[in-house]
C-alpha atoms as a PDB file:
ATOM      1  CA  MET A   1      76.613 -33.210 -22.192  1.00  0.00           C
ATOM      2  CA  LYS A   2      76.119 -31.626 -18.928  1.00  0.00           C
ATOM      3  CA  GLU A   3      72.588 -30.526 -17.994  1.00  0.00           C
ATOM      4  CA  LYS A   4      72.164 -27.207 -16.300  1.00  0.00           C
ATOM      5  CA  GLU A   5      70.671 -27.526 -12.844  1.00  0.00           C
ATOM      6  CA  ARG A   6      67.741 -25.275 -12.112  1.00  0.00           C
ATOM      7  CA  SER A   7      67.107 -23.941  -8.694  1.00  0.00           C
ATOM      8  CA  PRO A   8      63.525 -23.981  -7.328  1.00  0.00           C
ATOM      9  CA  LEU A   9      64.247 -20.684  -5.598  1.00  0.00           C
ATOM     10  CA  GLY A  10      62.996 -18.683  -8.626  1.00  0.00           C
ATOM     11  CA  TRP A  11      59.634 -20.464  -8.589  1.00  0.00           C
ATOM     12  CA  TYR A  12      59.256 -19.900  -4.860  1.00  0.00           C
ATOM     13  CA  THR A  13      59.967 -16.204  -5.270  1.00  0.00           C
ATOM     14  CA  ILE A  14      57.392 -15.862  -8.052  1.00  0.00           C
ATOM     15  CA  GLY A  15      54.844 -17.838  -5.995  1.00  0.00           C
ATOM     16  CA  ILE A  16      55.291 -15.641  -2.924  1.00  0.00           C
ATOM     17  CA  ALA A  17      55.055 -12.461  -5.039  1.00  0.00           C
ATOM     18  CA  ALA A  18      51.839 -13.754  -6.658  1.00  0.00           C
ATOM     19  CA  LEU A  19      50.424 -14.594  -3.225  1.00  0.00           C
ATOM     20  CA  PHE A  20      51.145 -11.080  -1.938  1.00  0.00           C
ATOM     21  CA  LEU A  21      49.657  -9.544  -5.101  1.00  0.00           C
ATOM     22  CA  ALA A  22      46.469 -11.622  -4.754  1.00  0.00           C
ATOM     23  CA  GLY A  23      46.228 -10.640  -1.074  1.00  0.00           C
ATOM     24  CA  PHE A  24      46.648  -6.972  -1.986  1.00  0.00           C
ATOM     25  CA  PHE A  25      43.871  -7.155  -4.603  1.00  0.00           C
ATOM     26  CA  LEU A  26      41.547  -8.925  -2.157  1.00  0.00           C
ATOM     27  CA  LEU A  27      42.278  -6.278   0.469  1.00  0.00           C
ATOM     28  CA  VAL A  28      41.487  -3.464  -2.000  1.00  0.00           C
ATOM     29  CA  LEU A  29      38.280  -5.235  -3.070  1.00  0.00           C
ATOM     30  CA  PHE A  30      37.184  -5.748   0.536  1.00  0.00           C
ATOM     31  CA  GLY A  31      37.917  -2.097   1.358  1.00  0.00           C
ATOM     32  CA  ALA A  32      35.977  -0.844  -1.668  1.00  0.00           C
ATOM     33  CA  LEU A  33      32.933  -2.976  -0.806  1.00  0.00           C
ATOM     34  CA  THR A  34      33.028  -1.845   2.815  1.00  0.00           C
ATOM     35  CA  TYR A  35      33.280   1.800   1.754  1.00  0.00           C
ATOM     36  CA  ARG A  36      30.361   1.421  -0.681  1.00  0.00           C
ATOM     37  CA  ASN A  37      28.147  -0.121   2.012  1.00  0.00           C
ATOM     38  CA  THR A  38      29.099   2.592   4.496  1.00  0.00           C
ATOM     39  CA  VAL A  39      28.286   5.376   2.032  1.00  0.00           C
ATOM     40  CA  ARG A  40      24.976   3.708   1.124  1.00  0.00           C
ATOM     41  CA  SER A  41      24.018   3.498   4.803  1.00  0.00           C
ATOM     42  CA  GLN A  42      25.009   7.117   5.451  1.00  0.00           C
ATOM     43  CA  ARG A  43      23.039   8.273   2.402  1.00  0.00           C
ATOM     44  CA  ALA A  44      19.900   6.448   3.564  1.00  0.00           C
ATOM     45  CA  ASN A  45      20.295   7.976   7.028  1.00  0.00           C
ATOM     46  CA  TYR A  46      20.788  11.439   5.511  1.00  0.00           C
ATOM     47  CA  ASP A  47      17.706  11.075   3.298  1.00  0.00           C
ATOM     48  CA  ALA A  48      15.584   9.952   6.248  1.00  0.00           C
ATOM     49  CA  ARG A  49      16.746  12.782   8.496  1.00  0.00           C
ATOM     50  CA  SER A  50      16.457  15.363   5.723  1.00  0.00           C
ATOM     51  CA  LEU A  51      12.784  14.581   5.184  1.00  0.00           C
ATOM     52  CA  SER A  52      11.950  14.924   8.873  1.00  0.00           C
ATOM     53  CA  ALA A  53      14.042  18.070   9.235  1.00  0.00           C
ATOM     54  CA  TYR A  54      12.471  19.669   6.171  1.00  0.00           C
ATOM     55  CA  LEU A  55       8.941  18.973   7.393  1.00  0.00           C
ATOM     56  CA  THR A  56       9.674  20.371  10.835  1.00  0.00           C
ATOM     57  CA  THR A  57      11.399  23.466   9.463  1.00  0.00           C
ATOM     58  CA  ALA A  58       8.730  24.186   6.843  1.00  0.00           C
ATOM     59  CA  ILE A  59       5.909  23.911   9.364  1.00  0.00           C
ATOM     60  CA  ARG A  60       7.641  26.029  11.994  1.00  0.00           C
ATOM     61  CA  ALA A  61       8.675  28.673   9.452  1.00  0.00           C
ATOM     62  CA  ASN A  62       5.046  29.198   8.452  1.00  0.00           C
ATOM     63  CA  ASP A  63       3.667  29.035  11.979  1.00  0.00           C
ATOM     64  CA  SER A  64       1.453  32.073  12.368  1.00  0.00           C
ATOM     65  CA  GLU A  65      -1.821  32.558  14.222  1.00  0.00           C
ATOM     66  CA  GLY A  66      -4.571  30.421  12.686  1.00  0.00           C
ATOM     67  CA  SER A  67      -2.587  29.484   9.588  1.00  0.00           C
ATOM     68  CA  PHE A  68      -1.851  25.806  10.253  1.00  0.00           C
ATOM     69  CA  LEU A  69      -4.489  23.387   8.971  1.00  0.00           C
ATOM     70  CA  VAL A  70      -4.585  19.604   8.623  1.00  0.00           C
ATOM     71  CA  TYR A  71      -7.290  18.088   6.452  1.00  0.00           C
ATOM     72  CA  ASP A  72      -8.011  14.923   4.509  1.00  0.00           C
ATOM     73  CA  ASP A  73      -8.178  15.296   0.748  1.00  0.00           C
ATOM     74  CA  GLY A  74     -10.237  12.536  -0.855  1.00  0.00           C
ATOM     75  CA  THR A  75      -7.571  11.813  -3.469  1.00  0.00           C
ATOM     76  CA  TYR A  76      -4.191  12.289  -1.796  1.00  0.00           C
ATOM     77  CA  GLY A  77      -4.954  11.656   1.859  1.00  0.00           C
ATOM     78  CA  GLN A  78      -3.791  13.956   4.606  1.00  0.00           C
ATOM     79  CA  VAL A  79      -2.632  17.452   3.731  1.00  0.00           C
ATOM     80  CA  ILE A  80      -0.715  19.921   5.860  1.00  0.00           C
ATOM     81  CA  SER A  81      -1.566  23.464   4.848  1.00  0.00           C
ATOM     82  CA  ALA A  82      -0.255  26.758   6.186  1.00  0.00           C
ATOM     83  CA  ASP A  83      -1.512  30.128   4.987  1.00  0.00           C
ATOM     84  CA  ASP A  84       1.124  32.625   3.980  1.00  0.00           C
ATOM     85  CA  GLY A  85      -0.071  35.570   6.039  1.00  0.00           C
ATOM     86  CA  ASN A  86      -2.546  37.834   4.263  1.00  0.00           C
ATOM     87  CA  SER A  87      -1.437  37.014   0.710  1.00  0.00           C
ATOM     88  CA  GLY A  88      -4.210  34.509   0.062  1.00  0.00           C
ATOM     89  CA  PHE A  89      -1.684  31.775  -0.711  1.00  0.00           C
ATOM     90  CA  ALA A  90      -0.669  28.684   1.249  1.00  0.00           C
ATOM     91  CA  PHE A  91       1.949  26.000   1.096  1.00  0.00           C
ATOM     92  CA  ARG A  92       0.612  22.443   1.225  1.00  0.00           C
ATOM     93  CA  ILE A  93       2.467  19.219   1.926  1.00  0.00           C
ATOM     94  CA  TYR A  94       0.948  15.880   0.939  1.00  0.00           C
ATOM     95  CA  ARG A  95       1.875  12.430  -0.399  1.00  0.00           C
ATOM     96  CA  CYS A  96       1.408  11.562  -4.058  1.00  0.00           C
ATOM     97  CA  ASP A  97       2.631   8.370  -5.770  1.00  0.00           C
ATOM     98  CA  GLY A  98       5.013   7.424  -2.969  1.00  0.00           C
ATOM     99  CA  LYS A  99       6.556  10.890  -2.804  1.00  0.00           C
ATOM    100  CA  LEU A 100       6.048  13.679  -0.345  1.00  0.00           C
ATOM    101  CA  VAL A 101       5.421  16.877  -2.291  1.00  0.00           C
ATOM    102  CA  GLU A 102       4.981  20.544  -1.481  1.00  0.00           C
ATOM    103  CA  ASP A 103       3.110  23.083  -3.538  1.00  0.00           C
ATOM    104  CA  TYR A 104       2.360  26.752  -3.148  1.00  0.00           C
ATOM    105  CA  ALA A 105      -0.998  27.923  -4.427  1.00  0.00           C
ATOM    106  CA  GLU A 106      -4.013  30.038  -3.622  1.00  0.00           C
ATOM    107  CA  THR A 107      -5.735  29.082  -0.401  1.00  0.00           C
ATOM    108  CA  GLY A 108      -8.520  26.623  -1.188  1.00  0.00           C
ATOM    109  CA  ALA A 109      -7.239  25.785  -4.690  1.00  0.00           C
ATOM    110  CA  PRO A 110      -7.272  22.095  -5.649  1.00  0.00           C
ATOM    111  CA  LEU A 111      -4.054  20.156  -5.118  1.00  0.00           C
ATOM    112  CA  ASN A 112      -1.835  20.005  -8.190  1.00  0.00           C
ATOM    113  CA  PRO A 113       0.966  17.423  -7.872  1.00  0.00           C
ATOM    114  CA  ASP A 114       2.249  18.270 -11.371  1.00  0.00           C
ATOM    115  CA  ALA A 115       3.198  21.751 -10.161  1.00  0.00           C
ATOM    116  CA  ALA A 116       4.481  20.507  -6.794  1.00  0.00           C
ATOM    117  CA  GLN A 117       8.103  20.125  -5.738  1.00  0.00           C
ATOM    118  CA  THR A 118       9.179  16.666  -4.547  1.00  0.00           C
ATOM    119  CA  ILE A 119      10.521  16.732  -0.998  1.00  0.00           C
ATOM    120  CA  GLY A 120      11.405  13.054  -0.702  1.00  0.00           C
ATOM    121  CA  GLU A 121      10.153   9.514  -1.063  1.00  0.00           C
ATOM    122  CA  THR A 122       7.965   7.967   1.611  1.00  0.00           C
ATOM    123  CA  GLU A 123       5.304   5.298   1.757  1.00  0.00           C
ATOM    124  CA  VAL A 124       3.942   6.612   5.056  1.00  0.00           C
ATOM    125  CA  PHE A 125       2.597  10.098   5.699  1.00  0.00           C
ATOM    126  CA  SER A 126       0.404  10.490   8.729  1.00  0.00           C
ATOM    127  CA  VAL A 127      -0.396  13.638  10.688  1.00  0.00           C
ATOM    128  CA  ARG A 128      -1.952  13.400  14.123  1.00  0.00           C
ATOM    129  CA  ILE A 129      -3.101  16.377  16.129  1.00  0.00           C
ATOM    130  CA  LEU A 130      -2.191  15.631  19.738  1.00  0.00           C
ATOM    131  CA  THR A 131      -3.147  18.924  21.409  1.00  0.00           C
ATOM    132  CA  ASP A 132      -3.999  22.438  20.268  1.00  0.00           C
ATOM    133  CA  ASN A 133      -0.309  23.237  19.959  1.00  0.00           C
ATOM    134  CA  LEU A 134       1.267  19.861  19.219  1.00  0.00           C
ATOM    135  CA  CYS A 135       1.090  17.551  16.246  1.00  0.00           C
ATOM    136  CA  SER A 136       2.887  14.383  15.234  1.00  0.00           C
ATOM    137  CA  VAL A 137       4.067  13.815  11.663  1.00  0.00           C
ATOM    138  CA  GLU A 138       5.055  10.274  10.716  1.00  0.00           C
ATOM    139  CA  THR A 139       6.951   9.215   7.596  1.00  0.00           C
ATOM    140  CA  ASP A 140       9.184   6.292   6.677  1.00  0.00           C
ATOM    141  CA  ALA A 141      11.926   8.187   8.499  1.00  0.00           C
ATOM    142  CA  GLY A 142      10.046   8.003  11.771  1.00  0.00           C
ATOM    143  CA  ARG A 143       7.870  10.237  13.890  1.00  0.00           C
ATOM    144  CA  SER A 144       8.462  13.927  14.572  1.00  0.00           C
ATOM    145  CA  LEU A 145       6.679  15.929  17.235  1.00  0.00           C
ATOM    146  CA  ILE A 146       6.154  19.520  16.175  1.00  0.00           C
ATOM    147  CA  GLY A 147       5.176  22.192  18.650  1.00  0.00           C
ATOM    148  CA  LEU A 148       3.227  25.089  17.176  1.00  0.00           C
ATOM    149  CA  ARG A 149       3.236  28.492  18.794  1.00  0.00           C
ATOM    150  CA  SER A 150       0.057  29.565  17.042  1.00  0.00           C
ATOM    151  CA  GLY A 151      -2.083  26.465  17.434  1.00  0.00           C
ATOM    152  CA  ILE A 152      -3.973  24.465  14.860  1.00  0.00           C
ATOM    153  CA  ALA A 153      -6.678  26.254  12.890  1.00  0.00           C
ATOM    154  CA  GLY A 154      -8.757  23.245  11.999  1.00  0.00           C
ATOM    155  CA  GLY A 155      -8.801  19.611  11.074  1.00  0.00           C
ATOM    156  CA  ASP A 156      -9.824  16.580  12.999  1.00  0.00           C
ATOM    157  CA  ALA A 157      -7.745  15.313  15.888  1.00  0.00           C
ATOM    158  CA  GLN A 158      -6.566  11.802  15.187  1.00  0.00           C
END
Protein backbone atom coordinates (compact mmCIF):
# COMPACT_ATOMS: atom_id res chain seq x y z
CA MET A 1 0.00 0.00 0.00
CA LYS A 2 1.10 3.39 -0.86
CA GLU A 3 0.95 6.06 1.86
CA LYS A 4 -0.30 9.47 0.91
CA GLU A 5 2.32 12.15 1.42
CA ARG A 6 1.19 15.19 3.34
CA SER A 7 2.57 18.57 2.63
CA PRO A 8 3.55 20.82 5.58
CA LEU A 9 2.34 23.81 3.57
CA GLY A 10 -1.19 23.53 5.04
CA TRP A 11 0.13 23.70 8.60
CA TYR A 12 2.29 26.70 7.78
CA THR A 13 -0.68 28.51 6.26
CA ILE A 14 -2.84 27.85 9.32
CA GLY A 15 0.01 28.94 11.63
CA ILE A 16 0.53 32.22 9.79
CA ALA A 17 -3.23 32.92 9.76
CA ALA A 18 -3.41 32.24 13.52
CA LEU A 19 -0.43 34.54 14.10
CA PHE A 20 -2.10 37.37 12.16
CA LEU A 21 -5.39 36.79 14.01
CA ALA A 22 -3.64 36.91 17.40
CA GLY A 23 -1.82 40.10 16.35
CA PHE A 24 -5.11 41.66 15.25
CA PHE A 25 -6.78 40.85 18.59
CA LEU A 26 -3.81 42.25 20.53
CA LEU A 27 -3.92 45.41 18.43
CA VAL A 28 -7.66 45.85 19.11
CA LEU A 29 -7.11 45.23 22.84
CA PHE A 30 -4.25 47.74 22.99
CA GLY A 31 -6.34 50.33 21.13
CA ALA A 32 -9.33 49.84 23.43
CA LEU A 33 -7.19 50.22 26.56
CA THR A 34 -5.51 53.33 25.18
CA TYR A 35 -8.89 54.85 24.28
CA ARG A 36 -10.29 54.08 27.76
CA ASN A 37 -7.32 55.75 29.46
CA THR A 38 -7.57 58.78 27.19
CA VAL A 39 -11.29 59.21 27.89
CA ARG A 40 -10.70 58.80 31.64
CA SER A 41 -8.02 61.50 31.56
CA GLN A 42 -10.20 63.86 29.52
CA ARG A 43 -13.13 63.30 31.88
CA ALA A 44 -11.01 64.11 34.94
CA ASN A 45 -9.73 67.26 33.22
CA TYR A 46 -13.29 68.26 32.27
CA ASP A 47 -14.55 67.72 35.83
CA ALA A 48 -11.70 69.79 37.27
CA ARG A 49 -12.21 72.65 34.83
CA SER A 50 -15.99 72.55 35.19
CA LEU A 51 -15.79 73.09 38.94
CA SER A 52 -13.50 76.10 38.60
CA ALA A 53 -15.53 77.55 35.74
CA TYR A 54 -18.80 77.11 37.63
CA LEU A 55 -17.45 78.83 40.73
CA THR A 56 -16.10 81.75 38.74
CA THR A 57 -19.29 82.14 36.71
CA ALA A 58 -21.61 81.86 39.72
CA ILE A 59 -19.68 84.45 41.70
CA ARG A 60 -19.40 86.90 38.82
CA ALA A 61 -23.07 86.49 37.87
CA ASN A 62 -24.14 87.53 41.37
CA ASP A 63 -21.59 90.32 41.71
CA SER A 64 -23.53 93.36 42.85
CA GLU A 65 -22.60 96.15 45.24
CA GLY A 66 -22.11 94.81 48.77
CA SER A 67 -23.56 91.38 48.03
CA PHE A 68 -20.44 89.21 48.13
CA LEU A 69 -19.56 87.81 51.56
CA VAL A 70 -17.06 85.20 52.74
CA TYR A 71 -17.45 83.81 56.23
CA ASP A 72 -16.50 80.77 58.27
CA ASP A 73 -19.36 78.55 59.36
CA GLY A 74 -18.46 76.50 62.43
CA THR A 75 -19.73 73.27 60.88
CA TYR A 76 -18.93 73.41 57.17
CA GLY A 77 -15.95 75.75 57.03
CA GLN A 78 -15.73 78.61 54.59
CA VAL A 79 -18.87 79.81 52.85
CA ILE A 80 -19.19 82.08 49.84
CA SER A 81 -22.46 83.98 49.98
CA ALA A 82 -23.93 86.48 47.53
CA ASP A 83 -27.19 88.30 48.14
CA ASP A 84 -29.70 88.21 45.33
CA GLY A 85 -30.42 91.92 45.10
CA ASN A 86 -33.28 93.11 47.28
CA SER A 87 -35.13 89.79 47.45
CA GLY A 88 -33.76 88.81 50.85
CA PHE A 89 -32.31 85.59 49.45
CA ALA A 90 -28.72 84.55 48.77
CA PHE A 91 -26.88 81.74 47.10
CA ARG A 92 -24.21 80.07 49.23
CA ILE A 93 -21.39 77.78 48.17
CA TYR A 94 -19.65 75.57 50.72
CA ARG A 95 -18.07 72.13 51.13
CA CYS A 96 -19.96 69.30 52.80
CA ASP A 97 -18.82 65.65 52.98
CA GLY A 98 -16.21 66.02 50.25
CA LYS A 99 -18.61 67.75 47.87
CA LEU A 100 -18.94 71.37 46.93
CA VAL A 101 -22.60 72.34 47.21
CA GLU A 102 -24.70 75.39 46.44
CA ASP A 103 -27.96 76.34 48.07
CA TYR A 104 -30.35 79.22 47.69
CA ALA A 105 -32.08 80.39 50.85
CA GLU A 106 -33.06 83.42 52.86
CA THR A 107 -30.14 85.63 53.81
CA GLY A 108 -28.90 84.59 57.25
CA ALA A 109 -30.71 81.22 57.25
CA PRO A 110 -28.69 78.24 58.51
CA LEU A 111 -26.92 76.14 55.90
CA ASN A 112 -28.93 73.14 54.73
CA PRO A 113 -26.84 70.64 52.73
CA ASP A 114 -29.86 68.35 52.29
CA ALA A 115 -31.55 71.01 50.17
CA ALA A 116 -28.33 71.99 48.38
CA GLN A 117 -27.33 71.08 44.84
CA THR A 118 -24.00 69.26 44.42
CA ILE A 119 -21.60 71.17 42.18
CA GLY A 120 -18.73 68.69 42.24
CA GLU A 121 -16.42 66.67 44.43
CA THR A 122 -13.45 68.31 46.12
CA GLU A 123 -11.41 67.73 49.24
CA VAL A 124 -10.10 71.29 49.24
CA PHE A 125 -12.18 74.46 49.39
CA SER A 126 -10.38 77.57 50.48
CA VAL A 127 -11.31 81.19 49.85
CA ARG A 128 -8.77 83.94 50.41
CA ILE A 129 -9.55 87.62 50.14
CA LEU A 130 -6.52 89.22 48.49
CA THR A 131 -7.76 92.80 48.05
CA ASP A 132 -11.10 94.59 48.23
CA ASN A 133 -11.89 93.49 44.70
CA LEU A 134 -9.95 90.24 44.33
CA CYS A 135 -10.32 86.85 45.92
CA SER A 136 -8.72 83.47 45.37
CA VAL A 137 -10.77 80.26 45.41
CA GLU A 138 -8.85 77.00 45.69
CA THR A 139 -10.24 73.51 45.07
CA ASP A 140 -8.75 70.18 44.03
CA ALA A 141 -8.87 71.57 40.49
CA GLY A 142 -6.48 74.36 41.38
CA ARG A 143 -6.64 78.03 42.22
CA SER A 144 -8.85 80.61 40.51
CA LEU A 145 -8.47 84.35 40.90
CA ILE A 146 -11.80 86.13 40.74
CA GLY A 147 -12.04 89.86 40.26
CA LEU A 148 -15.15 91.46 41.71
CA ARG A 149 -16.50 94.71 40.37
CA SER A 150 -18.49 95.43 43.51
CA GLY A 151 -15.97 94.53 46.19
CA ILE A 152 -16.29 92.25 49.17
CA ALA A 153 -18.94 93.10 51.75
CA GLY A 154 -17.37 91.37 54.71
CA GLY A 155 -15.37 88.46 55.96
CA ASP A 156 -11.85 88.21 57.16
CA ALA A 157 -8.94 88.55 54.77
CA GLN A 158 -6.88 85.39 54.80
